[in-house]
Amino acid sequence: MPPTEAEREAFIRANTAQMAPPHVPELTLHLADEAHDLWLKTEEELAGIGLPPPFWAFAWAGGQGLARYVLDHPDTVRGMRVLDFAAGSGLVGIAAAKAGAAAVTCADIDPFCRAAVSFNAAANGVAVGFAADDLVGTDGGWDVVLAGDVFYEKPFADRLVPWLSALAARGARVLVGDPGRAYLPKEGLERRAVYEVPVTRALEDAEVKRTTVWELT
């Protein structure tokens, strides 16, 4: 039997602590750190307890850079309907809500993300919606689509590029935060900002990742 929502909530509370992502210190998230066993578990061990890899438990470089951009440029989202795609912890969507978005939907197919996003939104005093469906190929009429660190696998990237490009073509503003992942598109992007984002060597190959915010054109 898959974990119940109450069991997911209890797991998140037991395996995370509230802390500020280093590049977005004005926000607070429930994140794993070296003090928690979650940090040390392999994917095989996590699968054994029915837990997908807990991307929601870490503030990835792409998301931190994109959240920083939104907070520093609130006009990007103010008064807009915003989708935070592959939201994980909800970091980027929460930043959009803080920056004055009219409505924010955090979308992620990992069932643990619903509880993680709910906890994190409450910790930051904002309200965001959540979508558990795979939204690739759909159009919810969003004004802005934010995607942090999504080009890490080729099959996923191959699905995303046509969809995000179609949204941009119909007038949505599509912003991507990317720390140099292998499958970032090589064309159709304009650089909006570059950040040096502190990360954890246990997850990445460095302690600081140069992260670029791109806009699809």
C-alpha atoms as a PDB file:
ATOM      1  CA  MET A   1       0.000   0.000   0.000  1.00  0.00           C
ATOM      2  CA  PRO A   2       1.339   3.486  -0.837  1.00  0.00           C
ATOM      3  CA  PRO A   3       1.786   5.857   2.100  1.00  0.00           C
ATOM      4  CA  THR A   4      -1.248   7.847   3.160  1.00  0.00           C
ATOM      5  CA  GLU A   5      -1.173  11.632   3.082  1.00  0.00           C
ATOM      6  CA  ALA A   6      -0.849  11.633   6.882  1.00  0.00           C
ATOM      7  CA  GLU A   7       2.128   9.258   6.636  1.00  0.00           C
ATOM      8  CA  ARG A   8       3.770  11.483   4.033  1.00  0.00           C
ATOM      9  CA  GLU A   9       3.307  14.517   6.247  1.00  0.00           C
ATOM     10  CA  ALA A  10       4.782  12.667   9.223  1.00  0.00           C
ATOM     11  CA  PHE A  11       7.742  11.510   7.125  1.00  0.00           C
ATOM     12  CA  ILE A  12       8.500  15.051   5.984  1.00  0.00           C
ATOM     13  CA  ARG A  13       8.297  16.404   9.527  1.00  0.00           C
ATOM     14  CA  ALA A  14      10.607  13.654  10.807  1.00  0.00           C
ATOM     15  CA  ASN A  15      13.239  13.984   8.092  1.00  0.00           C
ATOM     16  CA  THR A  16      13.549  17.731   7.506  1.00  0.00           C
ATOM     17  CA  ALA A  17      14.151  20.936   9.406  1.00  0.00           C
ATOM     18  CA  GLN A  18      13.057  24.463   8.608  1.00  0.00           C
ATOM     19  CA  MET A  19      15.925  26.412   7.102  1.00  0.00           C
ATOM     20  CA  ALA A  20      16.626  29.191   4.619  1.00  0.00           C
ATOM     21  CA  PRO A  21      18.071  28.283   1.197  1.00  0.00           C
ATOM     22  CA  PRO A  22      21.429  30.094   0.997  1.00  0.00           C
ATOM     23  CA  HIS A  23      20.627  32.058  -2.174  1.00  0.00           C
ATOM     24  CA  VAL A  24      17.087  32.933  -1.073  1.00  0.00           C
ATOM     25  CA  PRO A  25      17.526  33.627   2.650  1.00  0.00           C
ATOM     26  CA  GLU A  26      14.244  35.480   3.001  1.00  0.00           C
ATOM     27  CA  LEU A  27      12.339  32.214   2.526  1.00  0.00           C
ATOM     28  CA  THR A  28      12.074  29.216   4.862  1.00  0.00           C
ATOM     29  CA  LEU A  29      11.654  25.632   3.661  1.00  0.00           C
ATOM     30  CA  HIS A  30      11.444  22.174   5.202  1.00  0.00           C
ATOM     31  CA  LEU A  31      14.729  20.743   3.874  1.00  0.00           C
ATOM     32  CA  ALA A  32      16.956  17.778   4.631  1.00  0.00           C
ATOM     33  CA  ASP A  33      20.478  18.448   5.819  1.00  0.00           C
ATOM     34  CA  GLU A  34      23.478  16.460   7.040  1.00  0.00           C
ATOM     35  CA  ALA A  35      21.750  15.924  10.388  1.00  0.00           C
ATOM     36  CA  HIS A  36      19.000  13.791   8.865  1.00  0.00           C
ATOM     37  CA  ASP A  37      19.096  10.207   7.664  1.00  0.00           C
ATOM     38  CA  LEU A  38      17.267  11.180   4.465  1.00  0.00           C
ATOM     39  CA  TRP A  39      20.451  12.793   3.205  1.00  0.00           C
ATOM     40  CA  LEU A  40      22.290   9.476   3.406  1.00  0.00           C
ATOM     41  CA  LYS A  41      19.719   7.104   1.974  1.00  0.00           C
ATOM     42  CA  THR A  42      20.340   5.677  -1.500  1.00  0.00           C
ATOM     43  CA  GLU A  43      17.613   5.612  -4.129  1.00  0.00           C
ATOM     44  CA  GLU A  44      17.345   1.860  -3.639  1.00  0.00           C
ATOM     45  CA  GLU A  45      16.705   2.257   0.091  1.00  0.00           C
ATOM     46  CA  LEU A  46      14.130   4.964  -0.561  1.00  0.00           C
ATOM     47  CA  ALA A  47      12.319   2.754  -3.069  1.00  0.00           C
ATOM     48  CA  GLY A  48      12.177   0.053  -0.425  1.00  0.00           C
ATOM     49  CA  ILE A  49      10.037   2.267   1.807  1.00  0.00           C
ATOM     50  CA  GLY A  50       7.850   3.505  -1.055  1.00  0.00           C
ATOM     51  CA  LEU A  51       9.451   6.919  -1.367  1.00  0.00           C
ATOM     52  CA  PRO A  52      10.429   8.400  -4.753  1.00  0.00           C
ATOM     53  CA  PRO A  53      13.788  10.219  -4.760  1.00  0.00           C
ATOM     54  CA  PRO A  54      13.032  13.176  -2.463  1.00  0.00           C
ATOM     55  CA  PHE A  55      13.742  16.086  -4.790  1.00  0.00           C
ATOM     56  CA  TRP A  56      11.344  18.100  -2.599  1.00  0.00           C
ATOM     57  CA  ALA A  57      13.778  17.905   0.328  1.00  0.00           C
ATOM     58  CA  PHE A  58      16.549  19.955  -1.284  1.00  0.00           C
ATOM     59  CA  ALA A  59      16.856  23.476  -2.683  1.00  0.00           C
ATOM     60  CA  TRP A  60      18.372  22.782  -6.100  1.00  0.00           C
ATOM     61  CA  ALA A  61      20.518  25.400  -7.808  1.00  0.00           C
ATOM     62  CA  GLY A  62      18.116  26.005 -10.697  1.00  0.00           C
ATOM     63  CA  GLY A  63      15.223  26.629  -8.362  1.00  0.00           C
ATOM     64  CA  GLN A  64      17.241  28.897  -6.086  1.00  0.00           C
ATOM     65  CA  GLY A  65      18.407  31.005  -9.020  1.00  0.00           C
ATOM     66  CA  LEU A  66      14.914  31.265 -10.485  1.00  0.00           C
ATOM     67  CA  ALA A  67      13.401  32.151  -7.103  1.00  0.00           C
ATOM     68  CA  ARG A  68      16.065  34.815  -6.620  1.00  0.00           C
ATOM     69  CA  TYR A  69      15.224  36.314 -10.016  1.00  0.00           C
ATOM     70  CA  VAL A  70      11.489  36.402  -9.271  1.00  0.00           C
ATOM     71  CA  LEU A  71      12.020  38.079  -5.904  1.00  0.00           C
ATOM     72  CA  ASP A  72      14.421  40.623  -7.389  1.00  0.00           C
ATOM     73  CA  HIS A  73      12.147  41.285 -10.382  1.00  0.00           C
ATOM     74  CA  PRO A  74       8.616  41.104  -8.936  1.00  0.00           C
ATOM     75  CA  ASP A  75       7.090  42.684 -12.043  1.00  0.00           C
ATOM     76  CA  THR A  76       7.785  39.336 -13.722  1.00  0.00           C
ATOM     77  CA  VAL A  77       4.874  37.786 -11.826  1.00  0.00           C
ATOM     78  CA  ARG A  78       2.934  40.569 -10.085  1.00  0.00           C
ATOM     79  CA  GLY A  79      -0.786  40.179 -10.763  1.00  0.00           C
ATOM     80  CA  MET A  80      -0.150  37.130 -12.963  1.00  0.00           C
ATOM     81  CA  ARG A  81      -1.368  33.522 -13.001  1.00  0.00           C
ATOM     82  CA  VAL A  82       1.785  31.502 -12.441  1.00  0.00           C
ATOM     83  CA  LEU A  83       2.675  27.830 -12.867  1.00  0.00           C
ATOM     84  CA  ASP A  84       5.661  26.470 -10.924  1.00  0.00           C
ATOM     85  CA  PHE A  85       6.333  23.328 -12.966  1.00  0.00           C
ATOM     86  CA  ALA A  86       8.125  20.335 -11.377  1.00  0.00           C
ATOM     87  CA  ALA A  87       7.844  22.325  -8.189  1.00  0.00           C
ATOM     88  CA  GLY A  88       9.501  19.969  -5.713  1.00  0.00           C
ATOM     89  CA  SER A  89       9.586  21.932  -2.465  1.00  0.00           C
ATOM     90  CA  GLY A  90       7.545  24.746  -4.011  1.00  0.00           C
ATOM     91  CA  LEU A  91      10.449  27.192  -3.639  1.00  0.00           C
ATOM     92  CA  VAL A  92       9.880  28.977  -6.938  1.00  0.00           C
ATOM     93  CA  GLY A  93       6.100  29.146  -6.618  1.00  0.00           C
ATOM     94  CA  ILE A  94       6.390  30.475  -3.077  1.00  0.00           C
ATOM     95  CA  ALA A  95       8.785  33.152  -4.310  1.00  0.00           C
ATOM     96  CA  ALA A  96       6.225  34.084  -6.984  1.00  0.00           C
ATOM     97  CA  ALA A  97       3.486  34.355  -4.366  1.00  0.00           C
ATOM     98  CA  LYS A  98       5.736  36.528  -2.201  1.00  0.00           C
ATOM     99  CA  ALA A  99       6.418  38.732  -5.249  1.00  0.00           C
ATOM    100  CA  GLY A 100       2.720  39.417  -5.771  1.00  0.00           C
ATOM    101  CA  ALA A 101       1.445  36.799  -8.221  1.00  0.00           C
ATOM    102  CA  ALA A 102      -2.349  36.767  -8.419  1.00  0.00           C
ATOM    103  CA  ALA A 103      -2.493  32.964  -8.316  1.00  0.00           C
ATOM    104  CA  VAL A 104       0.197  30.284  -8.138  1.00  0.00           C
ATOM    105  CA  THR A 105      -0.097  26.594  -8.970  1.00  0.00           C
ATOM    106  CA  CYS A 106       2.765  24.325  -7.922  1.00  0.00           C
ATOM    107  CA  ALA A 107       2.738  21.178 -10.050  1.00  0.00           C
ATOM    108  CA  ASP A 108       4.605  17.940  -9.375  1.00  0.00           C
ATOM    109  CA  ILE A 109       3.754  14.285  -9.958  1.00  0.00           C
ATOM    110  CA  ASP A 110       5.568  13.159  -6.764  1.00  0.00           C
ATOM    111  CA  PRO A 111       2.783  12.635  -4.197  1.00  0.00           C
ATOM    112  CA  PHE A 112       5.078  13.750  -1.366  1.00  0.00           C
ATOM    113  CA  CYS A 113       5.297  17.199  -2.931  1.00  0.00           C
ATOM    114  CA  ARG A 114       1.727  18.115  -2.034  1.00  0.00           C
ATOM    115  CA  ALA A 115       2.545  17.948   1.679  1.00  0.00           C
ATOM    116  CA  ALA A 116       5.968  19.546   1.226  1.00  0.00           C
ATOM    117  CA  VAL A 117       4.536  22.481  -0.720  1.00  0.00           C
ATOM    118  CA  SER A 118       1.732  22.903   1.820  1.00  0.00           C
ATOM    119  CA  PHE A 119       4.174  22.997   4.745  1.00  0.00           C
ATOM    120  CA  ASN A 120       6.507  25.391   2.952  1.00  0.00           C
ATOM    121  CA  ALA A 121       3.770  27.753   1.810  1.00  0.00           C
ATOM    122  CA  ALA A 122       2.435  27.942   5.362  1.00  0.00           C
ATOM    123  CA  ALA A 123       5.938  28.591   6.719  1.00  0.00           C
ATOM    124  CA  ASN A 124       6.189  31.604   4.406  1.00  0.00           C
ATOM    125  CA  GLY A 125       2.684  32.929   4.960  1.00  0.00           C
ATOM    126  CA  VAL A 126       1.452  32.473   1.386  1.00  0.00           C
ATOM    127  CA  ALA A 127      -1.271  30.451  -0.315  1.00  0.00           C
ATOM    128  CA  VAL A 128      -0.538  28.386  -3.416  1.00  0.00           C
ATOM    129  CA  GLY A 129      -2.482  25.729  -5.271  1.00  0.00           C
ATOM    130  CA  PHE A 130      -1.158  22.272  -6.074  1.00  0.00           C
ATOM    131  CA  ALA A 131      -1.583  20.040  -9.136  1.00  0.00           C
ATOM    132  CA  ALA A 132      -0.537  16.393  -8.995  1.00  0.00           C
ATOM    133  CA  ASP A 133      -1.228  15.667 -12.674  1.00  0.00           C
ATOM    134  CA  ASP A 134       1.375  15.516 -15.418  1.00  0.00           C
ATOM    135  CA  LEU A 135       0.708  18.890 -17.040  1.00  0.00           C
ATOM    136  CA  VAL A 136       3.073  18.481 -19.988  1.00  0.00           C
ATOM    137  CA  GLY A 137       1.108  19.150 -23.152  1.00  0.00           C
ATOM    138  CA  THR A 138      -1.685  21.017 -21.375  1.00  0.00           C
ATOM    139  CA  ASP A 139      -2.427  24.740 -21.180  1.00  0.00           C
ATOM    140  CA  GLY A 140      -4.039  26.130 -18.061  1.00  0.00           C
ATOM    141  CA  GLY A 141      -3.983  29.683 -19.344  1.00  0.00           C
ATOM    142  CA  TRP A 142      -0.982  30.633 -17.231  1.00  0.00           C
ATOM    143  CA  ASP A 143       0.581  34.038 -17.796  1.00  0.00           C
ATOM    144  CA  VAL A 144       3.974  32.891 -16.524  1.00  0.00           C
ATOM    145  CA  VAL A 145       5.506  29.408 -16.403  1.00  0.00           C
ATOM    146  CA  LEU A 146       8.511  28.901 -14.108  1.00  0.00           C
ATOM    147  CA  ALA A 147      10.651  25.756 -14.351  1.00  0.00           C
ATOM    148  CA  GLY A 148      13.673  25.270 -12.119  1.00  0.00           C
ATOM    149  CA  ASP A 149      16.271  22.636 -12.976  1.00  0.00           C
ATOM    150  CA  VAL A 150      14.213  20.475 -15.343  1.00  0.00           C
ATOM    151  CA  PHE A 151      16.686  19.564 -18.113  1.00  0.00           C
ATOM    152  CA  TYR A 152      18.569  16.795 -16.311  1.00  0.00           C
ATOM    153  CA  GLU A 153      17.299  13.827 -18.372  1.00  0.00           C
ATOM    154  CA  LYS A 154      16.987  13.590 -22.143  1.00  0.00           C
ATOM    155  CA  PRO A 155      13.545  11.885 -22.340  1.00  0.00           C
ATOM    156  CA  PHE A 156      12.064  14.485 -20.001  1.00  0.00           C
ATOM    157  CA  ALA A 157      13.746  17.355 -21.854  1.00  0.00           C
ATOM    158  CA  ASP A 158      12.461  16.011 -25.171  1.00  0.00           C
ATOM    159  CA  ARG A 159       8.905  16.211 -23.806  1.00  0.00           C
ATOM    160  CA  LEU A 160       9.331  19.611 -22.219  1.00  0.00           C
ATOM    161  CA  VAL A 161      10.830  21.644 -25.042  1.00  0.00           C
ATOM    162  CA  PRO A 162       7.882  21.446 -27.497  1.00  0.00           C
ATOM    163  CA  TRP A 163       5.387  22.114 -24.709  1.00  0.00           C
ATOM    164  CA  LEU A 164       7.218  25.079 -23.196  1.00  0.00           C
ATOM    165  CA  SER A 165       7.891  26.480 -26.667  1.00  0.00           C
ATOM    166  CA  ALA A 166       4.188  26.268 -27.530  1.00  0.00           C
ATOM    167  CA  LEU A 167       3.265  28.098 -24.324  1.00  0.00           C
ATOM    168  CA  ALA A 168       5.779  30.824 -25.119  1.00  0.00           C
ATOM    169  CA  ALA A 169       4.500  31.075 -28.692  1.00  0.00           C
ATOM    170  CA  ARG A 170       0.941  31.725 -27.511  1.00  0.00           C
ATOM    171  CA  GLY A 171       2.142  34.508 -25.209  1.00  0.00           C
ATOM    172  CA  ALA A 172       3.066  32.979 -21.869  1.00  0.00           C
ATOM    173  CA  ARG A 173       6.322  34.101 -20.343  1.00  0.00           C
ATOM    174  CA  VAL A 174       8.423  30.974 -19.773  1.00  0.00           C
ATOM    175  CA  LEU A 175      11.441  31.262 -17.471  1.00  0.00           C
ATOM    176  CA  VAL A 176      13.870  28.440 -16.723  1.00  0.00           C
ATOM    177  CA  GLY A 177      16.504  28.263 -14.005  1.00  0.00           C
ATOM    178  CA  ASP A 178      19.369  26.013 -15.072  1.00  0.00           C
ATOM    179  CA  PRO A 179      22.804  25.272 -13.550  1.00  0.00           C
ATOM    180  CA  GLY A 180      24.306  23.877 -16.748  1.00  0.00           C
ATOM    181  CA  ARG A 181      22.358  20.639 -17.114  1.00  0.00           C
ATOM    182  CA  ALA A 182      23.240  18.558 -20.154  1.00  0.00           C
ATOM    183  CA  TYR A 183      19.884  18.731 -21.932  1.00  0.00           C
ATOM    184  CA  LEU A 184      19.153  22.452 -21.773  1.00  0.00           C
ATOM    185  CA  PRO A 185      18.080  23.524 -25.297  1.00  0.00           C
ATOM    186  CA  LYS A 186      20.865  25.056 -27.340  1.00  0.00           C
ATOM    187  CA  GLU A 187      18.639  27.645 -29.036  1.00  0.00           C
ATOM    188  CA  GLY A 188      15.483  29.636 -28.481  1.00  0.00           C
ATOM    189  CA  LEU A 189      16.661  31.038 -25.142  1.00  0.00           C
ATOM    190  CA  GLU A 190      17.634  34.505 -23.950  1.00  0.00           C
ATOM    191  CA  ARG A 191      19.723  34.990 -20.827  1.00  0.00           C
ATOM    192  CA  ARG A 192      18.050  37.092 -18.129  1.00  0.00           C
ATOM    193  CA  ALA A 193      20.404  36.677 -15.161  1.00  0.00           C
ATOM    194  CA  VAL A 194      23.370  34.659 -13.892  1.00  0.00           C
ATOM    195  CA  TYR A 195      23.931  33.730 -10.238  1.00  0.00           C
ATOM    196  CA  GLU A 196      26.571  31.867  -8.242  1.00  0.00           C
ATOM    197  CA  VAL A 197      24.403  29.594  -6.103  1.00  0.00           C
ATOM    198  CA  PRO A 198      25.751  27.727  -3.046  1.00  0.00           C
ATOM    199  CA  VAL A 199      24.811  24.052  -3.146  1.00  0.00           C
ATOM    200  CA  THR A 200      25.741  20.867  -1.320  1.00  0.00           C
ATOM    201  CA  ARG A 201      28.558  18.746  -2.679  1.00  0.00           C
ATOM    202  CA  ALA A 202      26.665  15.590  -1.718  1.00  0.00           C
ATOM    203  CA  LEU A 203      24.142  16.462  -4.464  1.00  0.00           C
ATOM    204  CA  GLU A 204      26.265  18.303  -6.988  1.00  0.00           C
ATOM    205  CA  ASP A 205      29.829  18.236  -8.305  1.00  0.00           C
ATOM    206  CA  ALA A 206      30.760  21.542  -6.683  1.00  0.00           C
ATOM    207  CA  GLU A 207      29.944  23.762  -3.718  1.00  0.00           C
ATOM    208  CA  VAL A 208      28.800  26.624  -5.957  1.00  0.00           C
ATOM    209  CA  LYS A 209      26.891  26.228  -9.230  1.00  0.00           C
ATOM    210  CA  ARG A 210      26.700  28.976 -11.815  1.00  0.00           C
ATOM    211  CA  THR A 211      22.986  29.175 -12.521  1.00  0.00           C
ATOM    212  CA  THR A 212      21.393  31.022 -15.421  1.00  0.00           C
ATOM    213  CA  VAL A 213      17.824  32.223 -15.709  1.00  0.00           C
ATOM    214  CA  TRP A 214      16.713  31.838 -19.326  1.00  0.00           C
ATOM    215  CA  GLU A 215      13.580  32.993 -21.074  1.00  0.00           C
ATOM    216  CA  LEU A 216      12.150  30.955 -23.937  1.00  0.00           C
ATOM    217  CA  THR A 217      11.646  33.086 -27.010  1.00  0.00           C
END
